[in-house]
């Protein structure tokens, strides 16, 4: 069951959430599996993998987001990390964007069921947000990009002054970091920190890569 995997995984990670949050995660997982039988939302369908790779991985990100911040999740797919983040950080405003309409319909459905306030799911390409959301977000995150420079090039016009980007990456994140670093510097940004962690239940290694504007010299 999803609850058992969540509780076991969070114990391994030293995390605690409320019973209300656990029930919200259970509903999210149930709806994800139900919708996934009709449309392709995610390749991750087993309860333990949903618990760890979708929910707990998102909770790691939540530890790097502050209450009151405005967060954008680019290429959010089935609503990860945006929906789990919003569940545990209700005072954070979350905007989720994806170019596939059916995935956004799913996110809006779950947001209605959970009564998520301050959550907006947009069916759009991220480039189109430059006209409506320029310099609007304190934190921009994504699990969708393979290359950091692609993520930064698309996200930077949307980043508020003093904001940061957080790329959610797998175990190979450090490979090619030097090459990406040169591209990032040309865009006016740099990697300020890399936070490595291991997912519970032996589900692999992950990295959060924090990217900020370069300080002028």
N, C-alpha and C. Protein backbone atom coordinates (compact mmCIF):
# COMPACT_ATOMS: atom_id res chain seq x y z
N UNK A 1 0.83 -1.20 0.00
CA UNK A 1 0.00 0.00 0.00
C UNK A 1 0.86 1.25 0.00
N UNK A 2 0.34 2.29 -0.58
CA UNK A 2 1.08 3.54 -0.67
C UNK A 2 1.44 4.08 0.71
N UNK A 3 0.54 3.95 1.67
CA UNK A 3 0.80 4.47 3.02
C UNK A 3 2.00 3.79 3.65
N UNK A 4 2.06 2.49 3.53
CA UNK A 4 3.16 1.75 4.14
C UNK A 4 4.49 2.18 3.54
N UNK A 5 4.55 2.29 2.20
CA UNK A 5 5.80 2.70 1.54
C UNK A 5 6.17 4.13 1.93
N UNK A 6 5.18 5.00 2.00
CA UNK A 6 5.45 6.38 2.41
C UNK A 6 6.01 6.44 3.83
N UNK A 7 5.35 5.76 4.74
CA UNK A 7 5.78 5.82 6.13
C UNK A 7 7.17 5.23 6.31
N UNK A 8 7.42 4.09 5.65
CA UNK A 8 8.74 3.47 5.75
C UNK A 8 9.81 4.37 5.13
N UNK A 9 9.50 4.91 3.95
CA UNK A 9 10.47 5.77 3.27
C UNK A 9 10.76 7.04 4.04
N UNK A 10 9.73 7.66 4.61
CA UNK A 10 9.95 8.89 5.37
C UNK A 10 10.73 8.62 6.64
N UNK A 11 10.52 7.47 7.26
CA UNK A 11 11.33 7.11 8.44
C UNK A 11 12.80 7.04 8.05
N UNK A 12 13.09 6.41 6.93
CA UNK A 12 14.49 6.31 6.48
C UNK A 12 15.10 7.70 6.23
N UNK A 13 14.28 8.63 5.75
CA UNK A 13 14.77 9.97 5.40
C UNK A 13 14.68 10.93 6.58
N UNK A 14 14.13 10.50 7.71
CA UNK A 14 13.97 11.38 8.85
C UNK A 14 12.93 12.46 8.64
N UNK A 15 11.91 12.16 7.82
CA UNK A 15 10.86 13.11 7.51
C UNK A 15 9.61 12.82 8.34
N UNK A 16 8.86 13.85 8.62
CA UNK A 16 7.55 13.70 9.26
C UNK A 16 6.55 14.62 8.56
N UNK A 17 5.36 14.09 8.34
CA UNK A 17 4.26 14.90 7.80
C UNK A 17 3.00 14.56 8.58
N UNK A 18 1.98 15.36 8.41
CA UNK A 18 0.74 15.15 9.16
C UNK A 18 -0.08 14.01 8.56
N UNK A 19 -1.03 13.52 9.35
CA UNK A 19 -1.97 12.51 8.85
C UNK A 19 -2.77 13.07 7.68
N UNK A 20 -3.12 14.34 7.73
CA UNK A 20 -3.85 14.97 6.63
C UNK A 20 -3.03 14.92 5.34
N UNK A 21 -1.73 15.17 5.45
CA UNK A 21 -0.87 15.12 4.27
C UNK A 21 -0.78 13.69 3.73
N UNK A 22 -0.67 12.70 4.61
CA UNK A 22 -0.63 11.31 4.18
C UNK A 22 -1.89 10.97 3.39
N UNK A 23 -3.04 11.39 3.88
CA UNK A 23 -4.29 11.10 3.16
C UNK A 23 -4.31 11.80 1.81
N UNK A 24 -3.77 13.01 1.75
CA UNK A 24 -3.69 13.73 0.47
C UNK A 24 -2.78 12.98 -0.51
N UNK A 25 -1.67 12.47 -0.02
CA UNK A 25 -0.77 11.70 -0.89
C UNK A 25 -1.45 10.42 -1.38
N UNK A 26 -2.21 9.77 -0.50
CA UNK A 26 -2.94 8.56 -0.91
C UNK A 26 -3.93 8.88 -2.03
N UNK A 27 -4.65 9.99 -1.91
CA UNK A 27 -5.60 10.37 -2.95
C UNK A 27 -4.87 10.69 -4.25
N UNK A 28 -3.79 11.44 -4.16
CA UNK A 28 -3.01 11.77 -5.34
C UNK A 28 -2.55 10.49 -6.06
N UNK A 29 -2.03 9.53 -5.29
CA UNK A 29 -1.54 8.28 -5.89
C UNK A 29 -2.68 7.48 -6.51
N UNK A 30 -3.82 7.42 -5.83
CA UNK A 30 -4.97 6.68 -6.36
C UNK A 30 -5.45 7.28 -7.68
N UNK A 31 -5.55 8.59 -7.72
CA UNK A 31 -6.00 9.26 -8.95
C UNK A 31 -4.97 9.12 -10.07
N UNK A 32 -3.70 9.16 -9.70
CA UNK A 32 -2.64 8.99 -10.68
C UNK A 32 -2.75 7.62 -11.35
N UNK A 33 -2.95 6.58 -10.57
CA UNK A 33 -3.06 5.24 -11.13
C UNK A 33 -4.33 5.09 -11.96
N UNK A 34 -5.42 5.68 -11.49
CA UNK A 34 -6.68 5.59 -12.22
C UNK A 34 -6.58 6.27 -13.58
N UNK A 35 -6.07 7.49 -13.59
CA UNK A 35 -5.95 8.23 -14.85
C UNK A 35 -4.91 7.60 -15.77
N UNK A 36 -3.87 7.03 -15.18
CA UNK A 36 -2.79 6.47 -15.98
C UNK A 36 -3.23 5.25 -16.78
N UNK A 37 -4.33 4.63 -16.37
CA UNK A 37 -4.85 3.51 -17.14
C UNK A 37 -5.47 3.98 -18.45
N UNK A 38 -5.83 5.27 -18.51
CA UNK A 38 -6.47 5.82 -19.72
C UNK A 38 -5.54 6.71 -20.53
N UNK A 39 -4.69 7.45 -19.86
CA UNK A 39 -3.75 8.32 -20.57
C UNK A 39 -2.36 8.15 -19.95
N UNK A 40 -1.35 8.41 -20.75
CA UNK A 40 0.02 8.19 -20.30
C UNK A 40 0.50 9.38 -19.47
N UNK A 41 0.41 9.24 -18.15
CA UNK A 41 0.89 10.28 -17.25
C UNK A 41 2.31 10.01 -16.78
N UNK A 42 2.61 8.75 -16.48
CA UNK A 42 3.89 8.39 -15.91
C UNK A 42 4.17 6.91 -16.12
N UNK A 43 5.46 6.58 -16.22
CA UNK A 43 5.85 5.18 -16.30
C UNK A 43 5.97 4.55 -14.91
N UNK A 44 5.89 5.37 -13.89
CA UNK A 44 6.00 4.90 -12.50
C UNK A 44 4.60 4.62 -11.97
N UNK A 45 4.25 3.35 -11.77
CA UNK A 45 2.88 2.99 -11.40
C UNK A 45 2.78 2.14 -10.14
N UNK A 46 3.87 1.52 -9.69
CA UNK A 46 3.82 0.71 -8.47
C UNK A 46 3.76 1.62 -7.24
N UNK A 47 3.01 1.20 -6.23
CA UNK A 47 2.83 2.03 -5.04
C UNK A 47 4.14 2.48 -4.41
N UNK A 48 5.09 1.53 -4.25
CA UNK A 48 6.33 1.90 -3.57
C UNK A 48 7.13 2.90 -4.40
N UNK A 49 7.06 2.78 -5.73
CA UNK A 49 7.82 3.72 -6.57
C UNK A 49 7.13 5.08 -6.62
N UNK A 50 5.80 5.11 -6.65
CA UNK A 50 5.10 6.39 -6.57
C UNK A 50 5.45 7.09 -5.26
N UNK A 51 5.44 6.31 -4.17
CA UNK A 51 5.74 6.87 -2.85
C UNK A 51 7.12 7.49 -2.80
N UNK A 52 8.10 6.79 -3.35
CA UNK A 52 9.49 7.23 -3.22
C UNK A 52 9.89 8.21 -4.33
N UNK A 53 9.68 7.80 -5.58
CA UNK A 53 10.22 8.58 -6.70
C UNK A 53 9.39 9.81 -7.04
N UNK A 54 8.10 9.78 -6.72
CA UNK A 54 7.27 10.96 -6.96
C UNK A 54 7.09 11.80 -5.70
N UNK A 55 6.67 11.16 -4.61
CA UNK A 55 6.28 11.94 -3.43
C UNK A 55 7.48 12.29 -2.55
N UNK A 56 8.22 11.30 -2.10
CA UNK A 56 9.33 11.58 -1.18
C UNK A 56 10.41 12.42 -1.87
N UNK A 57 10.67 12.15 -3.14
CA UNK A 57 11.64 12.97 -3.86
C UNK A 57 11.20 14.43 -3.88
N UNK A 58 9.88 14.66 -4.03
CA UNK A 58 9.35 16.03 -3.99
C UNK A 58 9.48 16.64 -2.61
N UNK A 59 9.38 15.82 -1.56
CA UNK A 59 9.49 16.33 -0.20
C UNK A 59 10.92 16.79 0.10
N UNK A 60 11.90 16.16 -0.53
CA UNK A 60 13.28 16.65 -0.39
C UNK A 60 13.37 18.07 -0.93
N UNK A 61 12.79 18.29 -2.10
CA UNK A 61 12.77 19.65 -2.67
C UNK A 61 12.09 20.63 -1.72
N UNK A 62 11.01 20.21 -1.08
CA UNK A 62 10.26 21.10 -0.19
C UNK A 62 11.13 21.67 0.92
N UNK A 63 12.16 20.94 1.29
CA UNK A 63 13.07 21.43 2.32
C UNK A 63 13.92 22.60 1.87
N UNK A 64 13.92 22.89 0.58
CA UNK A 64 14.70 24.00 0.04
C UNK A 64 13.82 25.15 -0.46
N UNK A 65 12.55 25.11 -0.08
CA UNK A 65 11.60 26.15 -0.47
C UNK A 65 11.03 26.77 0.80
N UNK A 66 10.90 28.09 0.82
CA UNK A 66 10.43 28.80 2.00
C UNK A 66 8.97 29.22 1.86
N UNK A 67 8.26 29.24 2.99
CA UNK A 67 6.88 29.72 2.99
C UNK A 67 6.81 31.12 2.40
N UNK A 68 5.77 31.36 1.61
CA UNK A 68 5.57 32.67 1.01
C UNK A 68 6.23 32.84 -0.35
N UNK A 69 7.05 31.88 -0.76
CA UNK A 69 7.70 32.00 -2.06
C UNK A 69 6.76 31.59 -3.19
N UNK A 70 7.08 32.09 -4.35
CA UNK A 70 6.33 31.81 -5.58
C UNK A 70 7.16 30.85 -6.42
N UNK A 71 6.65 29.65 -6.66
CA UNK A 71 7.42 28.57 -7.28
C UNK A 71 6.83 28.21 -8.64
N UNK A 72 7.69 28.00 -9.61
CA UNK A 72 7.29 27.50 -10.93
C UNK A 72 7.91 26.13 -11.15
N UNK A 73 7.08 25.17 -11.57
CA UNK A 73 7.54 23.83 -11.93
C UNK A 73 7.37 23.68 -13.44
N UNK A 74 8.48 23.55 -14.16
CA UNK A 74 8.47 23.48 -15.62
C UNK A 74 8.46 22.03 -16.08
N UNK A 75 7.56 21.71 -17.01
CA UNK A 75 7.46 20.35 -17.52
C UNK A 75 7.00 19.39 -16.44
N UNK A 76 5.92 19.76 -15.76
CA UNK A 76 5.51 19.11 -14.52
C UNK A 76 4.83 17.77 -14.72
N UNK A 77 4.44 17.43 -15.93
CA UNK A 77 3.90 16.10 -16.20
C UNK A 77 2.69 15.76 -15.36
N UNK A 78 2.82 14.76 -14.52
CA UNK A 78 1.73 14.32 -13.65
C UNK A 78 1.63 15.14 -12.37
N UNK A 79 2.30 16.31 -12.34
CA UNK A 79 2.21 17.17 -11.16
C UNK A 79 3.30 16.92 -10.14
N UNK A 80 4.45 16.52 -10.62
CA UNK A 80 5.58 16.23 -9.73
C UNK A 80 6.76 17.09 -10.16
N UNK A 81 7.32 17.88 -9.24
CA UNK A 81 7.08 17.90 -7.80
C UNK A 81 5.98 18.85 -7.33
N UNK A 82 5.26 19.50 -8.25
CA UNK A 82 4.41 20.63 -7.86
C UNK A 82 3.30 20.26 -6.87
N UNK A 83 2.60 19.14 -7.09
CA UNK A 83 1.48 18.82 -6.21
C UNK A 83 1.95 18.37 -4.83
N UNK A 84 2.89 17.41 -4.70
CA UNK A 84 3.38 17.08 -3.36
C UNK A 84 3.98 18.29 -2.63
N UNK A 85 4.68 19.15 -3.37
CA UNK A 85 5.23 20.37 -2.77
C UNK A 85 4.12 21.22 -2.19
N UNK A 86 3.06 21.43 -2.95
CA UNK A 86 1.95 22.27 -2.48
C UNK A 86 1.25 21.65 -1.29
N UNK A 87 1.15 20.33 -1.25
CA UNK A 87 0.49 19.66 -0.12
C UNK A 87 1.21 19.96 1.19
N UNK A 88 2.54 19.88 1.18
CA UNK A 88 3.29 20.06 2.43
C UNK A 88 3.71 21.51 2.67
N UNK A 89 3.59 22.36 1.64
CA UNK A 89 3.93 23.77 1.79
C UNK A 89 2.72 24.61 1.35
N UNK A 90 1.63 24.60 2.12
CA UNK A 90 0.41 25.29 1.70
C UNK A 90 0.59 26.80 1.57
N UNK A 91 1.60 27.38 2.22
CA UNK A 91 1.82 28.83 2.13
C UNK A 91 2.70 29.23 0.95
N UNK A 92 3.11 28.25 0.16
CA UNK A 92 3.87 28.51 -1.06
C UNK A 92 2.90 28.55 -2.23
N UNK A 93 3.03 29.56 -3.08
CA UNK A 93 2.22 29.62 -4.30
C UNK A 93 2.94 28.83 -5.38
N UNK A 94 2.24 27.89 -5.99
CA UNK A 94 2.85 26.99 -6.98
C UNK A 94 2.16 27.15 -8.33
N UNK A 95 2.96 27.37 -9.35
CA UNK A 95 2.48 27.37 -10.73
C UNK A 95 3.15 26.21 -11.44
N UNK A 96 2.33 25.40 -12.09
CA UNK A 96 2.80 24.21 -12.80
C UNK A 96 2.52 24.39 -14.27
N UNK A 97 3.51 24.14 -15.12
CA UNK A 97 3.31 24.31 -16.57
C UNK A 97 3.76 23.07 -17.31
N UNK A 98 2.93 22.65 -18.27
CA UNK A 98 3.27 21.52 -19.13
C UNK A 98 2.62 21.73 -20.49
N UNK A 99 3.28 21.25 -21.54
CA UNK A 99 2.78 21.45 -22.90
C UNK A 99 1.74 20.41 -23.30
N UNK A 100 1.53 19.39 -22.47
CA UNK A 100 0.57 18.33 -22.79
C UNK A 100 -0.71 18.57 -22.00
N UNK A 101 -1.79 18.84 -22.72
CA UNK A 101 -3.04 19.26 -22.08
C UNK A 101 -3.63 18.23 -21.15
N UNK A 102 -3.55 16.94 -21.49
CA UNK A 102 -4.16 15.91 -20.64
C UNK A 102 -3.49 15.84 -19.27
N UNK A 103 -2.21 16.11 -19.24
CA UNK A 103 -1.49 16.10 -17.95
C UNK A 103 -1.93 17.28 -17.09
N UNK A 104 -2.15 18.42 -17.72
CA UNK A 104 -2.63 19.58 -16.98
C UNK A 104 -4.07 19.35 -16.49
N UNK A 105 -4.90 18.72 -17.29
CA UNK A 105 -6.26 18.39 -16.84
C UNK A 105 -6.21 17.50 -15.61
N UNK A 106 -5.31 16.54 -15.59
CA UNK A 106 -5.16 15.68 -14.40
C UNK A 106 -4.76 16.51 -13.19
N UNK A 107 -3.79 17.39 -13.35
CA UNK A 107 -3.35 18.22 -12.22
C UNK A 107 -4.49 19.08 -11.68
N UNK A 108 -5.26 19.69 -12.58
CA UNK A 108 -6.38 20.51 -12.13
C UNK A 108 -7.42 19.67 -11.41
N UNK A 109 -7.65 18.46 -11.87
CA UNK A 109 -8.60 17.55 -11.22
C UNK A 109 -8.15 17.24 -9.79
N UNK A 110 -6.89 16.89 -9.62
CA UNK A 110 -6.37 16.57 -8.28
C UNK A 110 -6.40 17.80 -7.39
N UNK A 111 -6.05 18.96 -7.94
CA UNK A 111 -6.07 20.19 -7.15
C UNK A 111 -7.47 20.50 -6.64
N UNK A 112 -8.49 20.25 -7.48
CA UNK A 112 -9.88 20.45 -7.04
C UNK A 112 -10.24 19.47 -5.93
N UNK A 113 -9.88 18.20 -6.11
CA UNK A 113 -10.21 17.19 -5.10
C UNK A 113 -9.56 17.51 -3.75
N UNK A 114 -8.35 18.03 -3.80
CA UNK A 114 -7.61 18.31 -2.56
C UNK A 114 -7.87 19.72 -2.03
N UNK A 115 -8.58 20.53 -2.80
CA UNK A 115 -8.85 21.89 -2.38
C UNK A 115 -7.59 22.73 -2.25
N UNK A 116 -6.68 22.56 -3.20
CA UNK A 116 -5.41 23.29 -3.13
C UNK A 116 -5.61 24.75 -3.55
N UNK A 117 -5.37 25.66 -2.64
CA UNK A 117 -5.46 27.09 -2.95
C UNK A 117 -4.05 27.61 -3.25
N UNK A 118 -3.97 28.53 -4.20
CA UNK A 118 -2.66 29.03 -4.57
C UNK A 118 -1.90 28.04 -5.42
N UNK A 119 -2.64 27.23 -6.19
CA UNK A 119 -2.02 26.28 -7.13
C UNK A 119 -2.63 26.52 -8.49
N UNK A 120 -1.79 26.74 -9.50
CA UNK A 120 -2.26 27.00 -10.87
C UNK A 120 -1.54 26.07 -11.82
N UNK A 121 -2.30 25.34 -12.64
CA UNK A 121 -1.73 24.45 -13.65
C UNK A 121 -2.01 25.04 -15.02
N UNK A 122 -0.96 25.32 -15.78
CA UNK A 122 -1.07 26.00 -17.06
C UNK A 122 -0.72 25.07 -18.21
N UNK A 123 -1.61 24.99 -19.19
CA UNK A 123 -1.31 24.26 -20.42
C UNK A 123 -0.62 25.23 -21.38
N UNK A 124 0.70 25.16 -21.43
CA UNK A 124 1.46 26.12 -22.22
C UNK A 124 2.89 25.63 -22.38
N UNK A 125 3.57 26.19 -23.36
CA UNK A 125 5.01 26.04 -23.43
C UNK A 125 5.64 27.13 -22.57
N UNK A 126 6.72 26.80 -21.94
CA UNK A 126 7.29 27.75 -20.98
C UNK A 126 7.70 29.05 -21.66
N UNK A 127 8.07 29.00 -22.93
CA UNK A 127 8.47 30.21 -23.63
C UNK A 127 7.34 31.25 -23.64
N UNK A 128 6.10 30.77 -23.68
CA UNK A 128 4.96 31.71 -23.76
C UNK A 128 4.75 32.48 -22.47
N UNK A 129 5.33 32.02 -21.37
CA UNK A 129 5.14 32.70 -20.09
C UNK A 129 5.95 33.99 -19.99
N UNK A 130 6.87 34.19 -20.90
CA UNK A 130 7.71 35.39 -20.83
C UNK A 130 6.88 36.67 -20.94
N UNK A 131 5.76 36.60 -21.66
CA UNK A 131 4.91 37.79 -21.82
C UNK A 131 4.03 38.03 -20.60
N UNK A 132 3.66 36.95 -19.90
CA UNK A 132 2.68 37.08 -18.81
C UNK A 132 3.29 36.92 -17.41
N UNK A 133 4.45 36.26 -17.30
CA UNK A 133 5.01 35.95 -15.98
C UNK A 133 6.49 36.32 -15.87
N UNK A 134 6.94 37.29 -16.62
CA UNK A 134 8.35 37.68 -16.55
C UNK A 134 8.72 38.13 -15.13
N UNK A 135 9.86 37.63 -14.66
CA UNK A 135 10.42 38.00 -13.34
C UNK A 135 9.42 37.76 -12.20
N UNK A 136 8.67 36.68 -12.29
CA UNK A 136 7.58 36.44 -11.33
C UNK A 136 7.89 35.41 -10.25
N UNK A 137 8.93 34.60 -10.40
CA UNK A 137 9.08 33.43 -9.54
C UNK A 137 10.36 33.48 -8.72
N UNK A 138 10.21 33.20 -7.42
CA UNK A 138 11.36 33.15 -6.52
C UNK A 138 12.16 31.88 -6.72
N UNK A 139 11.46 30.78 -7.05
CA UNK A 139 12.10 29.48 -7.25
C UNK A 139 11.53 28.89 -8.54
N UNK A 140 12.40 28.41 -9.41
CA UNK A 140 11.97 27.68 -10.60
C UNK A 140 12.64 26.32 -10.57
N UNK A 141 11.84 25.27 -10.71
CA UNK A 141 12.37 23.92 -10.62
C UNK A 141 11.89 23.08 -11.80
N UNK A 142 12.56 21.97 -12.01
CA UNK A 142 12.16 21.05 -13.06
C UNK A 142 12.88 19.72 -12.90
N UNK A 143 12.17 18.63 -13.27
CA UNK A 143 12.81 17.33 -13.42
C UNK A 143 12.88 16.95 -14.90
N UNK A 144 12.49 17.86 -15.80
CA UNK A 144 12.26 17.49 -17.20
C UNK A 144 13.45 17.71 -18.11
N UNK A 145 14.46 18.44 -17.70
CA UNK A 145 15.53 18.82 -18.62
C UNK A 145 16.77 17.96 -18.41
N UNK A 146 17.36 17.54 -19.53
CA UNK A 146 18.58 16.74 -19.44
C UNK A 146 19.81 17.61 -19.27
N UNK A 147 19.75 18.84 -19.78
CA UNK A 147 20.92 19.72 -19.73
C UNK A 147 20.58 20.99 -18.95
N UNK A 148 21.49 21.36 -18.06
CA UNK A 148 21.26 22.52 -17.20
C UNK A 148 21.12 23.80 -18.01
N UNK A 149 21.94 23.95 -19.06
CA UNK A 149 21.90 25.20 -19.81
C UNK A 149 20.56 25.39 -20.53
N UNK A 150 19.93 24.28 -20.94
CA UNK A 150 18.61 24.39 -21.57
C UNK A 150 17.58 24.87 -20.55
N UNK A 151 17.63 24.31 -19.36
CA UNK A 151 16.74 24.70 -18.27
C UNK A 151 16.92 26.18 -17.94
N UNK A 152 18.16 26.62 -17.78
CA UNK A 152 18.44 28.00 -17.38
C UNK A 152 18.02 28.97 -18.48
N UNK A 153 18.30 28.64 -19.72
CA UNK A 153 17.95 29.54 -20.83
C UNK A 153 16.45 29.78 -20.89
N UNK A 154 15.66 28.74 -20.66
CA UNK A 154 14.20 28.89 -20.70
C UNK A 154 13.65 29.55 -19.45
N UNK A 155 14.27 29.26 -18.30
CA UNK A 155 13.71 29.73 -17.03
C UNK A 155 14.14 31.14 -16.65
N UNK A 156 15.31 31.56 -17.08
CA UNK A 156 15.88 32.81 -16.56
C UNK A 156 15.00 34.04 -16.77
N UNK A 157 14.27 34.19 -17.89
CA UNK A 157 13.42 35.39 -18.01
C UNK A 157 12.28 35.43 -17.01
N UNK A 158 12.00 34.30 -16.36
CA UNK A 158 10.88 34.21 -15.43
C UNK A 158 11.31 34.34 -13.97
N UNK A 159 12.61 34.41 -13.74
CA UNK A 159 13.14 34.40 -12.38
C UNK A 159 13.12 35.81 -11.79
N UNK A 160 12.57 35.93 -10.58
CA UNK A 160 12.54 37.21 -9.89
C UNK A 160 13.93 37.58 -9.40
N UNK A 161 14.12 38.86 -9.14
CA UNK A 161 15.40 39.31 -8.59
C UNK A 161 15.66 38.62 -7.26
N UNK A 162 16.86 38.09 -7.11
CA UNK A 162 17.22 37.37 -5.89
C UNK A 162 16.74 35.94 -5.88
N UNK A 163 16.12 35.48 -6.97
CA UNK A 163 15.59 34.12 -7.02
C UNK A 163 16.65 33.08 -7.35
N UNK A 164 16.22 31.82 -7.39
CA UNK A 164 17.12 30.71 -7.67
C UNK A 164 16.39 29.63 -8.46
N UNK A 165 17.16 28.85 -9.16
CA UNK A 165 16.63 27.68 -9.86
C UNK A 165 17.12 26.43 -9.16
N UNK A 166 16.28 25.41 -9.14
CA UNK A 166 16.65 24.14 -8.53
C UNK A 166 16.35 23.03 -9.54
N UNK A 167 17.41 22.45 -10.09
CA UNK A 167 17.27 21.34 -11.04
C UNK A 167 17.30 20.03 -10.26
N UNK A 168 16.28 19.20 -10.47
CA UNK A 168 16.20 17.88 -9.82
C UNK A 168 16.79 16.87 -10.79
N UNK A 169 17.91 16.28 -10.40
CA UNK A 169 18.67 15.44 -11.33
C UNK A 169 18.99 14.08 -10.72
N UNK A 170 19.32 13.14 -11.60
CA UNK A 170 19.68 11.80 -11.18
C UNK A 170 21.14 11.68 -10.79
N UNK A 171 21.64 10.43 -10.68
CA UNK A 171 22.99 10.20 -10.17
C UNK A 171 24.09 10.68 -11.09
N UNK A 172 23.78 10.88 -12.38
CA UNK A 172 24.81 11.31 -13.32
C UNK A 172 24.92 12.83 -13.42
N UNK A 173 24.33 13.53 -12.47
CA UNK A 173 24.25 14.99 -12.55
C UNK A 173 25.61 15.66 -12.65
N UNK A 174 26.60 15.10 -11.97
CA UNK A 174 27.92 15.75 -11.94
C UNK A 174 28.70 15.55 -13.24
N UNK A 175 28.26 14.57 -14.04
CA UNK A 175 28.93 14.36 -15.32
C UNK A 175 28.59 15.52 -16.25
N UNK A 176 29.58 16.06 -16.86
CA UNK A 176 29.38 17.19 -17.76
C UNK A 176 29.12 18.51 -17.05
N UNK A 177 29.29 18.53 -15.72
CA UNK A 177 29.03 19.76 -14.96
C UNK A 177 29.97 20.88 -15.38
N UNK A 178 31.21 20.53 -15.67
CA UNK A 178 32.17 21.57 -16.07
C UNK A 178 31.76 22.21 -17.40
N UNK A 179 31.37 21.36 -18.36
CA UNK A 179 30.92 21.88 -19.65
C UNK A 179 29.67 22.74 -19.49
N UNK A 180 28.72 22.25 -18.69
CA UNK A 180 27.50 23.03 -18.44
C UNK A 180 27.83 24.33 -17.73
N UNK A 181 28.81 24.27 -16.83
CA UNK A 181 29.18 25.46 -16.08
C UNK A 181 29.62 26.60 -16.98
N UNK A 182 30.34 26.30 -18.03
CA UNK A 182 30.77 27.33 -18.96
C UNK A 182 29.58 27.96 -19.67
N UNK A 183 28.62 27.12 -20.06
CA UNK A 183 27.41 27.63 -20.71
C UNK A 183 26.60 28.49 -19.75
N UNK A 184 26.51 28.04 -18.50
CA UNK A 184 25.75 28.80 -17.50
C UNK A 184 26.37 30.17 -17.28
N UNK A 185 27.69 30.22 -17.21
CA UNK A 185 28.36 31.50 -17.01
C UNK A 185 28.09 32.46 -18.16
N UNK A 186 28.01 31.91 -19.37
CA UNK A 186 27.70 32.77 -20.52
C UNK A 186 26.29 33.32 -20.45
N UNK A 187 25.41 32.62 -19.72
CA UNK A 187 24.03 33.07 -19.53
C UNK A 187 23.88 33.97 -18.31
N UNK A 188 24.98 34.13 -17.56
CA UNK A 188 24.94 34.98 -16.37
C UNK A 188 24.56 34.26 -15.10
N UNK A 189 24.74 32.92 -15.08
CA UNK A 189 24.36 32.13 -13.91
C UNK A 189 25.50 31.19 -13.53
N UNK A 190 25.38 30.60 -12.34
CA UNK A 190 26.37 29.63 -11.88
C UNK A 190 25.72 28.65 -10.90
N UNK A 191 26.31 27.48 -10.79
CA UNK A 191 25.87 26.50 -9.79
C UNK A 191 26.40 26.95 -8.43
N UNK A 192 25.50 27.21 -7.50
CA UNK A 192 25.93 27.67 -6.17
C UNK A 192 26.06 26.53 -5.17
N UNK A 193 25.36 25.42 -5.43
CA UNK A 193 25.44 24.28 -4.51
C UNK A 193 24.88 23.04 -5.20
N UNK A 194 25.38 21.88 -4.79
CA UNK A 194 24.82 20.60 -5.23
C UNK A 194 24.54 19.77 -3.98
N UNK A 195 23.29 19.40 -3.80
CA UNK A 195 22.89 18.62 -2.63
C UNK A 195 22.57 17.20 -3.08
N UNK A 196 23.45 16.28 -2.72
CA UNK A 196 23.28 14.87 -3.09
C UNK A 196 22.55 14.12 -1.98
N UNK A 197 21.70 13.20 -2.36
CA UNK A 197 20.98 12.38 -1.37
C UNK A 197 20.61 11.04 -1.99
N UNK A 198 20.32 10.11 -1.12
CA UNK A 198 19.92 8.77 -1.56
C UNK A 198 18.45 8.55 -1.21
N UNK A 199 17.67 8.13 -2.19
CA UNK A 199 16.27 7.85 -1.94
C UNK A 199 16.13 6.61 -1.07
N UNK A 200 15.06 6.54 -0.26
CA UNK A 200 14.86 5.37 0.61
C UNK A 200 14.46 4.13 -0.20
N UNK A 201 14.42 3.00 0.48
CA UNK A 201 14.03 1.71 -0.09
C UNK A 201 14.92 1.35 -1.29
N UNK A 202 16.17 1.80 -1.24
CA UNK A 202 17.16 1.48 -2.28
C UNK A 202 16.70 1.90 -3.67
N UNK A 203 16.12 3.10 -3.76
CA UNK A 203 15.59 3.56 -5.04
C UNK A 203 16.52 4.51 -5.79
N UNK A 204 17.77 4.56 -5.38
CA UNK A 204 18.74 5.30 -6.17
C UNK A 204 19.18 6.62 -5.57
N UNK A 205 20.10 7.26 -6.27
CA UNK A 205 20.68 8.52 -5.83
C UNK A 205 20.12 9.68 -6.64
N UNK A 206 20.04 10.84 -5.99
CA UNK A 206 19.52 12.04 -6.63
C UNK A 206 20.38 13.24 -6.24
N UNK A 207 20.21 14.32 -7.00
CA UNK A 207 20.91 15.57 -6.72
C UNK A 207 19.97 16.74 -6.94
N UNK A 208 20.04 17.71 -6.04
CA UNK A 208 19.41 19.00 -6.26
C UNK A 208 20.52 19.99 -6.59
N UNK A 209 20.41 20.60 -7.76
CA UNK A 209 21.44 21.54 -8.21
C UNK A 209 20.86 22.95 -8.10
N UNK A 210 21.46 23.75 -7.24
CA UNK A 210 21.00 25.12 -7.00
C UNK A 210 21.76 26.06 -7.92
N UNK A 211 21.03 26.84 -8.69
CA UNK A 211 21.62 27.74 -9.68
C UNK A 211 21.16 29.16 -9.38
N UNK A 212 22.11 30.08 -9.33
CA UNK A 212 21.79 31.49 -9.04
C UNK A 212 22.48 32.40 -10.05
N UNK A 213 21.99 33.64 -10.18
CA UNK A 213 22.70 34.60 -11.02
C UNK A 213 24.11 34.84 -10.51
N UNK A 214 25.05 35.01 -11.42
CA UNK A 214 26.42 35.31 -11.03
C UNK A 214 26.50 36.71 -10.45
N UNK A 215 27.29 36.86 -9.43
CA UNK A 215 27.51 38.17 -8.86
C UNK A 215 28.43 38.96 -9.77
N UNK A 216 28.05 40.21 -10.02
CA UNK A 216 28.90 41.05 -10.87
C UNK A 216 30.19 41.39 -10.14
N UNK A 217 31.26 41.44 -10.90
CA UNK A 217 32.56 41.72 -10.29
C UNK A 217 33.11 43.04 -10.80
